[in-house]
């Protein structure tokens, strides 16, 4: 059964009743001070006690109720000393990431640059995996797809053109037919259509490109570099006749690639290619070769991949012991013509001699393809090759 009488004041939450000399006094839970057991005195003590300590140890709701007795008639606390602790409700924005229109524009531009720089298909923007990836990186942002082929493409093109003009204005530049170096600026590409690729036509394109570079970027073309194909050599001669101050020369790396082809006997490379192709394209012989510990996958020469002839010969020389082992154990599986080529000692010796000739050329070619190579560096490498006994004409 509930006890009657006046309810206990809530201020007693912070005090303990203690008997002192036959009288009931209050002891502060925090600072252990002894105070008269009157509600007004207890509230006065709470106000004087350290507020930071109280906030760290007692709920804010209790402090609000005790320090500001709105429904109490107790006037022992002066109004100017009353403290009201407000509890602010957290805002939803504190738990979300908001993307402003300005931020969205920046993100759209950067994602568009990713597509253009990496030559990515535009429909990738509609891929669910791509959308989820972007959402995980920036919740609330949806990558654009409609403007990739429109406004964003035009804007990026104009920005890149402006940056290029700023970098090249007033400078002497070299016009290069094809380039793989990192520090280069794209000028144009021409769809020749039905035009025949003659030296005269290529010369006209080079003149137009030189004029475009001057008009568009404010630079001066002082040199032209092309490959060493016959029409390109003729084109360089025509350009030199039109402007004697113009420096024209062929690509040194391409020249070494052509040199490697010239000194490679067609019969030797064709037989080696036949062997390598057989073990690449036939399942059973290829599986037998792969099962050999330390073997390599046979390589084939590719016209557009420089030094691929050397790689083809190198893999043949490396796997030949394994091929002989396969013949000894599975002669019935290997085609007779291929078996004869594998057993051909003359072919093996010719391949070794050819490898010794091509190796220094390939080494110099790789150096000339470096980012820091220049004309002087090319001359130095060519002089080294001229002095090699392996390349001297006998």
Protein backbone atom coordinates (compact mmCIF):
# COMPACT_ATOMS: atom_id res chain seq x y z
CA UNK A 1 0.00 0.00 0.00
CA UNK A 2 1.39 3.43 -0.98
CA UNK A 3 2.49 5.76 1.81
CA UNK A 4 0.72 9.10 2.18
CA UNK A 5 2.24 12.52 2.81
CA UNK A 6 4.18 15.02 0.74
CA UNK A 7 6.20 13.53 -2.20
CA UNK A 8 9.99 13.54 -1.83
CA UNK A 9 11.56 16.41 -3.76
CA UNK A 10 13.49 15.28 -6.84
CA UNK A 11 16.56 17.22 -5.63
CA UNK A 12 17.27 14.32 -3.28
CA UNK A 13 18.51 12.36 -6.32
CA UNK A 14 21.85 14.08 -5.78
CA UNK A 15 22.05 13.76 -1.98
CA UNK A 16 22.15 11.13 0.75
CA UNK A 17 20.32 11.53 4.07
CA UNK A 18 22.76 11.37 6.98
CA UNK A 19 22.00 11.54 10.73
CA UNK A 20 24.22 14.13 12.41
CA UNK A 21 23.79 14.73 16.18
CA UNK A 22 20.20 13.56 16.12
CA UNK A 23 19.39 15.75 13.08
CA UNK A 24 18.89 14.72 9.46
CA UNK A 25 21.34 16.40 7.10
CA UNK A 26 22.08 15.97 3.39
CA UNK A 27 25.41 14.80 1.96
CA UNK A 28 26.22 15.75 -1.67
CA UNK A 29 26.94 12.66 -3.74
CA UNK A 30 29.58 14.47 -5.80
CA UNK A 31 31.50 16.72 -3.40
CA UNK A 32 30.47 15.07 -0.06
CA UNK A 33 29.48 18.45 1.42
CA UNK A 34 27.04 18.36 4.37
CA UNK A 35 24.02 20.63 3.86
CA UNK A 36 20.84 21.34 5.73
CA UNK A 37 18.13 18.97 4.62
CA UNK A 38 15.97 21.63 3.02
CA UNK A 39 15.04 21.56 -0.64
CA UNK A 40 15.91 25.22 -1.19
CA UNK A 41 19.35 24.82 0.39
CA UNK A 42 19.98 21.70 -1.68
CA UNK A 43 19.16 23.52 -4.94
CA UNK A 44 21.44 26.40 -3.98
CA UNK A 45 24.28 23.93 -3.41
CA UNK A 46 23.66 22.26 -6.75
CA UNK A 47 24.04 25.61 -8.49
CA UNK A 48 27.34 26.28 -6.73
CA UNK A 49 28.70 22.78 -7.33
CA UNK A 50 30.80 22.33 -10.52
CA UNK A 51 28.46 22.35 -13.53
CA UNK A 52 30.89 20.37 -15.70
CA UNK A 53 31.12 17.65 -13.07
CA UNK A 54 27.36 17.53 -12.76
CA UNK A 55 26.90 17.26 -16.53
CA UNK A 56 29.37 14.38 -16.71
CA UNK A 57 27.66 12.43 -13.96
CA UNK A 58 23.94 13.28 -14.11
CA UNK A 59 21.41 13.24 -16.94
CA UNK A 60 20.62 16.62 -18.49
CA UNK A 61 16.91 16.06 -17.95
CA UNK A 62 17.48 15.84 -14.18
CA UNK A 63 19.56 19.04 -14.18
CA UNK A 64 16.87 20.86 -16.11
CA UNK A 65 14.25 19.70 -13.65
CA UNK A 66 16.27 20.54 -10.53
CA UNK A 67 17.97 23.81 -11.53
CA UNK A 68 14.90 25.35 -13.15
CA UNK A 69 11.90 24.46 -11.00
CA UNK A 70 9.30 26.00 -13.32
CA UNK A 71 6.42 24.35 -11.49
CA UNK A 72 7.85 25.07 -8.02
CA UNK A 73 6.96 27.98 -5.76
CA UNK A 74 10.48 27.94 -4.25
CA UNK A 75 11.97 31.40 -4.67
CA UNK A 76 15.26 30.79 -2.90
CA UNK A 77 17.12 30.78 -6.25
CA UNK A 78 17.50 34.31 -7.69
CA UNK A 79 16.11 34.51 -11.27
CA UNK A 80 19.41 35.89 -12.66
CA UNK A 81 21.26 32.79 -11.37
CA UNK A 82 18.92 30.21 -12.78
CA UNK A 83 20.48 28.03 -15.50
CA UNK A 84 18.56 26.43 -18.35
CA UNK A 85 20.32 23.58 -20.18
CA UNK A 86 18.78 23.19 -23.63
CA UNK A 87 18.86 19.82 -25.35
CA UNK A 88 19.20 20.29 -29.13
CA UNK A 89 17.74 17.56 -31.30
CA UNK A 90 20.26 16.21 -33.86
CA UNK A 91 19.65 17.31 -37.44
CA UNK A 92 19.21 14.88 -40.31
CA UNK A 93 21.98 16.64 -42.26
CA UNK A 94 24.48 15.40 -39.66
CA UNK A 95 23.84 11.84 -40.86
CA UNK A 96 23.70 12.43 -44.63
CA UNK A 97 26.07 13.60 -47.38
CA UNK A 98 24.61 16.40 -49.44
CA UNK A 99 25.92 17.08 -52.94
CA UNK A 100 25.40 20.64 -54.04
CA UNK A 101 24.90 21.61 -57.67
CA UNK A 102 28.45 23.01 -57.77
CA UNK A 103 29.90 19.79 -56.37
CA UNK A 104 27.87 17.74 -58.85
CA UNK A 105 29.25 19.79 -61.72
CA UNK A 106 32.82 19.14 -60.55
CA UNK A 107 32.16 15.41 -60.18
CA UNK A 108 30.50 15.22 -63.60
CA UNK A 109 33.50 16.88 -65.24
CA UNK A 110 36.00 14.58 -63.54
CA UNK A 111 34.09 11.40 -64.39
CA UNK A 112 33.76 12.60 -67.99
CA UNK A 113 37.54 13.07 -68.14
CA UNK A 114 37.95 9.50 -66.89
CA UNK A 115 35.81 8.20 -69.77
CA UNK A 116 37.66 10.26 -72.39
CA UNK A 117 41.19 9.62 -71.09
CA UNK A 118 40.69 5.85 -70.78
CA UNK A 119 38.60 5.53 -73.95
CA UNK A 120 35.76 3.91 -72.00
CA UNK A 121 32.39 3.21 -73.67
CA UNK A 122 29.75 5.70 -72.62
CA UNK A 123 27.21 2.99 -71.77
CA UNK A 124 29.43 2.06 -68.83
CA UNK A 125 27.78 4.95 -66.99
CA UNK A 126 24.53 2.94 -67.02
CA UNK A 127 26.15 -0.20 -65.63
CA UNK A 128 24.77 -1.16 -62.21
CA UNK A 129 28.20 -2.07 -60.83
CA UNK A 130 29.62 1.31 -61.89
CA UNK A 131 26.66 3.14 -60.33
CA UNK A 132 27.05 1.20 -57.09
CA UNK A 133 30.78 1.97 -56.98
CA UNK A 134 30.13 5.70 -57.36
CA UNK A 135 27.33 5.54 -54.79
CA UNK A 136 29.68 3.93 -52.25
CA UNK A 137 32.27 6.64 -52.89
CA UNK A 138 29.75 9.49 -52.81
CA UNK A 139 26.28 8.55 -51.51
CA UNK A 140 23.55 10.66 -53.04
CA UNK A 141 25.44 11.34 -56.27
CA UNK A 142 24.35 9.73 -59.53
CA UNK A 143 26.89 9.86 -62.38
CA UNK A 144 25.73 11.50 -65.56
CA UNK A 145 25.43 9.57 -68.82
CA UNK A 146 23.35 11.72 -71.17
CA UNK A 147 25.92 14.54 -71.39
CA UNK A 148 29.02 12.38 -71.97
CA UNK A 149 28.65 12.65 -75.73
CA UNK A 150 27.36 16.22 -75.64
CA UNK A 151 27.98 19.15 -73.36
CA UNK A 152 30.65 17.54 -71.20
CA UNK A 153 32.63 16.41 -74.24
CA UNK A 154 32.60 19.91 -75.72
CA UNK A 155 33.52 21.47 -72.39
CA UNK A 156 36.42 19.07 -71.81
CA UNK A 157 37.68 19.59 -75.37
CA UNK A 158 37.69 23.36 -74.91
CA UNK A 159 39.46 23.08 -71.55
CA UNK A 160 42.17 20.79 -72.96
CA UNK A 161 42.61 23.05 -75.99
CA UNK A 162 43.03 26.08 -73.73
CA UNK A 163 45.55 24.25 -71.53
CA UNK A 164 47.52 23.12 -74.60
CA UNK A 165 47.59 26.64 -76.03
CA UNK A 166 48.82 27.98 -72.69
CA UNK A 167 51.62 25.39 -72.58
CA UNK A 168 52.79 25.82 -76.20
CA UNK A 169 52.29 29.51 -76.89
CA UNK A 170 55.49 31.15 -78.14
CA UNK A 171 57.51 27.92 -78.09
CA UNK A 172 59.39 25.96 -80.76
CA UNK A 173 57.84 22.53 -81.25
CA UNK A 174 58.41 19.32 -83.21
CA UNK A 175 55.65 17.90 -85.40
CA UNK A 176 55.62 14.11 -84.99
CA UNK A 177 53.73 11.68 -87.18
CA UNK A 178 53.20 9.07 -84.44
CA UNK A 179 54.27 9.45 -80.85
CA UNK A 180 54.12 7.36 -77.68
CA UNK A 181 55.93 9.68 -75.32
CA UNK A 182 54.09 10.88 -72.24
CA UNK A 183 54.78 14.58 -72.79
CA UNK A 184 53.07 15.19 -76.11
CA UNK A 185 50.10 17.20 -77.36
CA UNK A 186 47.60 15.84 -79.84
CA UNK A 187 47.09 18.10 -82.85
CA UNK A 188 44.83 16.25 -85.27
CA UNK A 189 44.06 13.06 -87.12
CA UNK A 190 43.03 12.95 -90.77
CA UNK A 191 40.64 10.55 -92.43
CA UNK A 192 42.24 10.28 -95.87
CA UNK A 193 39.20 8.58 -97.35
CA UNK A 194 39.74 7.73 -101.01
CA UNK A 195 42.92 9.81 -101.29
CA UNK A 196 45.99 7.81 -102.24
CA UNK A 197 48.79 8.01 -99.69
CA UNK A 198 51.50 9.55 -101.85
CA UNK A 199 54.48 11.63 -100.81
CA UNK A 200 52.89 14.73 -102.33
CA UNK A 201 49.62 14.24 -100.47
CA UNK A 202 51.43 13.56 -97.17
CA UNK A 203 53.49 16.71 -97.71
CA UNK A 204 50.34 18.80 -98.06
CA UNK A 205 48.96 17.29 -94.84
CA UNK A 206 52.18 18.13 -92.99
CA UNK A 207 52.06 21.74 -94.22
CA UNK A 208 48.42 22.08 -93.12
CA UNK A 209 49.23 20.57 -89.71
CA UNK A 210 52.12 23.00 -89.22
CA UNK A 211 49.85 25.95 -90.04
CA UNK A 212 47.14 24.62 -87.71
CA UNK A 213 49.62 24.33 -84.83
CA UNK A 214 50.69 27.94 -85.34
CA UNK A 215 47.16 29.32 -85.62
CA UNK A 216 45.64 27.20 -82.87
CA UNK A 217 48.36 27.15 -80.22
CA UNK A 218 50.62 30.08 -81.13
CA UNK A 219 53.74 27.90 -81.47
CA UNK A 220 56.33 27.51 -84.22
CA UNK A 221 57.07 24.15 -85.87
CA UNK A 222 60.85 23.88 -86.29
CA UNK A 223 61.17 20.12 -86.89
CA UNK A 224 59.22 17.23 -88.39
CA UNK A 225 59.71 13.57 -87.40
CA UNK A 226 58.15 10.62 -89.26
CA UNK A 227 58.76 6.91 -89.66
CA UNK A 228 61.21 5.64 -92.27
CA UNK A 229 58.80 4.29 -94.86
CA UNK A 230 59.71 5.29 -98.44
CA UNK A 231 56.87 7.78 -98.90
CA UNK A 232 57.74 9.42 -95.58
CA UNK A 233 61.38 9.77 -96.61
CA UNK A 234 60.27 11.42 -99.84
CA UNK A 235 57.91 13.69 -97.91
CA UNK A 236 60.73 14.84 -95.62
CA UNK A 237 62.83 15.72 -98.67
CA UNK A 238 59.99 17.80 -100.12
CA UNK A 239 59.50 19.63 -96.82
CA UNK A 240 63.21 20.42 -96.65
CA UNK A 241 63.10 21.91 -100.15
CA UNK A 242 60.16 24.12 -99.17
CA UNK A 243 61.82 25.30 -95.94
CA UNK A 244 65.58 24.86 -95.58
CA UNK A 245 65.47 25.95 -91.92
CA UNK A 246 63.18 23.04 -91.04
CA UNK A 247 64.80 20.02 -89.36
CA UNK A 248 63.46 16.75 -90.75
CA UNK A 249 64.54 13.26 -89.73
CA UNK A 250 63.23 9.75 -89.31
CA UNK A 251 62.41 7.97 -86.07
CA UNK A 252 65.59 6.30 -84.78
CA UNK A 253 63.65 3.55 -82.99
CA UNK A 254 61.78 2.68 -86.18
CA UNK A 255 65.09 2.69 -88.05
CA UNK A 256 66.53 0.09 -85.67
CA UNK A 257 63.39 -2.01 -86.03
CA UNK A 258 63.86 -1.99 -89.82
CA UNK A 259 67.54 -2.86 -89.33
CA UNK A 260 66.57 -5.90 -87.30
CA UNK A 261 64.24 -7.05 -90.07
CA UNK A 262 66.90 -6.53 -92.74
CA UNK A 263 69.54 -8.69 -91.04
CA UNK A 264 67.06 -11.46 -90.19
CA UNK A 265 67.14 -14.28 -92.79
CA UNK A 266 63.56 -14.97 -93.83
CA UNK A 267 64.13 -18.74 -93.96
CA UNK A 268 65.36 -19.00 -90.37
CA UNK A 269 62.59 -16.85 -88.87
CA UNK A 270 59.92 -18.61 -90.95
CA UNK A 271 61.01 -22.08 -89.71
CA UNK A 272 61.14 -20.89 -86.09
CA UNK A 273 57.72 -19.28 -86.47
CA UNK A 274 56.35 -22.54 -87.87
CA UNK A 275 57.57 -24.48 -84.82
CA UNK A 276 56.27 -21.93 -82.32
CA UNK A 277 52.93 -21.60 -84.07
CA UNK A 278 52.47 -25.38 -84.09
CA UNK A 279 52.85 -25.68 -80.33
CA UNK A 280 50.66 -22.62 -79.74
CA UNK A 281 47.77 -23.69 -81.95
CA UNK A 282 47.62 -27.47 -81.34
CA UNK A 283 46.11 -28.59 -78.08
CA UNK A 284 47.94 -31.86 -77.41
CA UNK A 285 51.48 -30.69 -78.30
CA UNK A 286 50.84 -27.42 -76.45
CA UNK A 287 49.74 -29.33 -73.34
CA UNK A 288 52.86 -31.51 -73.48
CA UNK A 289 55.03 -28.40 -73.68
CA UNK A 290 53.19 -26.69 -70.80
CA UNK A 291 53.76 -29.79 -68.66
CA UNK A 292 57.54 -29.39 -69.02
CA UNK A 293 58.94 -27.67 -65.94
CA UNK A 294 60.65 -24.39 -66.87
CA UNK A 295 59.14 -24.12 -70.35
CA UNK A 296 57.81 -20.90 -71.89
CA UNK A 297 54.88 -20.10 -74.12
CA UNK A 298 56.18 -19.80 -77.72
CA UNK A 299 56.04 -16.24 -79.07
CA UNK A 300 55.34 -15.15 -82.64
CA UNK A 301 56.74 -12.14 -84.53
CA UNK A 302 54.28 -9.26 -84.91
CA UNK A 303 54.83 -6.49 -87.46
CA UNK A 304 53.50 -3.75 -85.20
CA UNK A 305 55.34 -4.97 -82.07
CA UNK A 306 59.00 -4.06 -82.14
CA UNK A 307 61.55 -6.63 -80.92
CA UNK A 308 58.95 -9.38 -81.32
CA UNK A 309 61.32 -11.22 -83.70
CA UNK A 310 63.92 -11.41 -80.95
CA UNK A 311 61.31 -12.71 -78.50
CA UNK A 312 60.27 -15.36 -81.02
CA UNK A 313 63.87 -16.57 -81.43
CA UNK A 314 64.56 -16.40 -77.69
CA UNK A 315 61.58 -18.59 -76.79
CA UNK A 316 62.58 -21.12 -79.47
CA UNK A 317 66.11 -21.37 -78.07
CA UNK A 318 64.73 -21.72 -74.53
CA UNK A 319 62.16 -24.42 -75.26
CA UNK A 320 64.18 -26.48 -77.77
CA UNK A 321 65.52 -28.88 -75.06
CA UNK A 322 61.91 -29.44 -73.96
CA UNK A 323 60.85 -30.02 -77.57
CA UNK A 324 63.55 -32.66 -77.99
CA UNK A 325 62.36 -34.32 -74.79
CA UNK A 326 58.76 -34.35 -76.08
CA UNK A 327 59.92 -35.92 -79.36
CA UNK A 328 61.76 -38.65 -77.48
CA UNK A 329 58.68 -39.57 -75.45
CA UNK A 330 55.78 -38.72 -77.80
CA UNK A 331 57.18 -38.88 -81.32
CA UNK A 332 53.92 -40.28 -82.69
CA UNK A 333 52.00 -37.18 -81.52
CA UNK A 334 54.18 -34.57 -83.27
CA UNK A 335 53.82 -33.81 -86.98
CA UNK A 336 56.74 -35.21 -88.99
CA UNK A 337 57.66 -31.89 -90.64
CA UNK A 338 57.76 -30.15 -87.25
CA UNK A 339 59.83 -32.98 -85.81
CA UNK A 340 62.37 -32.57 -88.61
CA UNK A 341 62.65 -28.82 -87.90
CA UNK A 342 63.15 -29.46 -84.19
CA UNK A 343 65.94 -31.95 -84.92
CA UNK A 344 67.58 -29.59 -87.44
CA UNK A 345 70.90 -28.66 -85.82
CA UNK A 346 71.65 -26.12 -88.56
CA UNK A 347 68.45 -24.24 -87.74
CA UNK A 348 69.39 -24.18 -84.06
CA UNK A 349 72.88 -22.80 -84.77
CA UNK A 350 71.51 -20.20 -87.17
CA UNK A 351 69.00 -19.10 -84.53
CA UNK A 352 71.77 -18.67 -81.93
CA UNK A 353 73.89 -16.55 -84.29
CA UNK A 354 70.87 -14.47 -85.27
CA UNK A 355 69.98 -13.90 -81.61
CA UNK A 356 73.51 -12.62 -80.92
CA UNK A 357 73.12 -10.13 -83.79
CA UNK A 358 69.66 -8.90 -82.84
CA UNK A 359 70.23 -8.59 -79.08
CA UNK A 360 72.33 -5.36 -79.16
CA UNK A 361 69.90 -3.82 -81.67
CA UNK A 362 66.95 -4.62 -79.41
CA UNK A 363 68.77 -3.19 -76.39
CA UNK A 364 69.46 0.09 -78.20
CA UNK A 365 65.89 0.20 -79.50
CA UNK A 366 64.50 -0.08 -75.97
CA UNK A 367 66.78 2.74 -74.82
CA UNK A 368 65.71 5.01 -77.68
CA UNK A 369 62.06 4.44 -76.77
CA UNK A 370 62.71 5.86 -73.31
CA UNK A 371 61.04 9.05 -72.16
CA UNK A 372 64.33 10.96 -71.82
CA UNK A 373 65.92 9.95 -75.14
CA UNK A 374 66.86 12.65 -77.66
CA UNK A 375 68.66 13.07 -80.99
CA UNK A 376 72.12 13.11 -79.38
CA UNK A 377 71.29 9.96 -77.46
CA UNK A 378 70.19 8.29 -80.70
CA UNK A 379 73.48 9.16 -82.40
CA UNK A 380 75.42 7.66 -79.50
CA UNK A 381 73.51 4.38 -79.68
CA UNK A 382 73.89 4.17 -83.47
CA UNK A 383 77.66 4.70 -83.17
CA UNK A 384 77.86 1.84 -80.66
CA UNK A 385 76.06 -0.49 -83.07
CA UNK A 386 78.32 0.46 -85.98
CA UNK A 387 81.38 -0.62 -83.99
CA UNK A 388 79.99 -4.06 -83.07
CA UNK A 389 81.69 -7.01 -84.80
CA UNK A 390 78.40 -8.94 -84.91
CA UNK A 391 76.90 -6.32 -87.24
CA UNK A 392 79.85 -5.77 -89.55
CA UNK A 393 79.33 -6.82 -93.17
CA UNK A 394 81.62 -9.67 -94.15
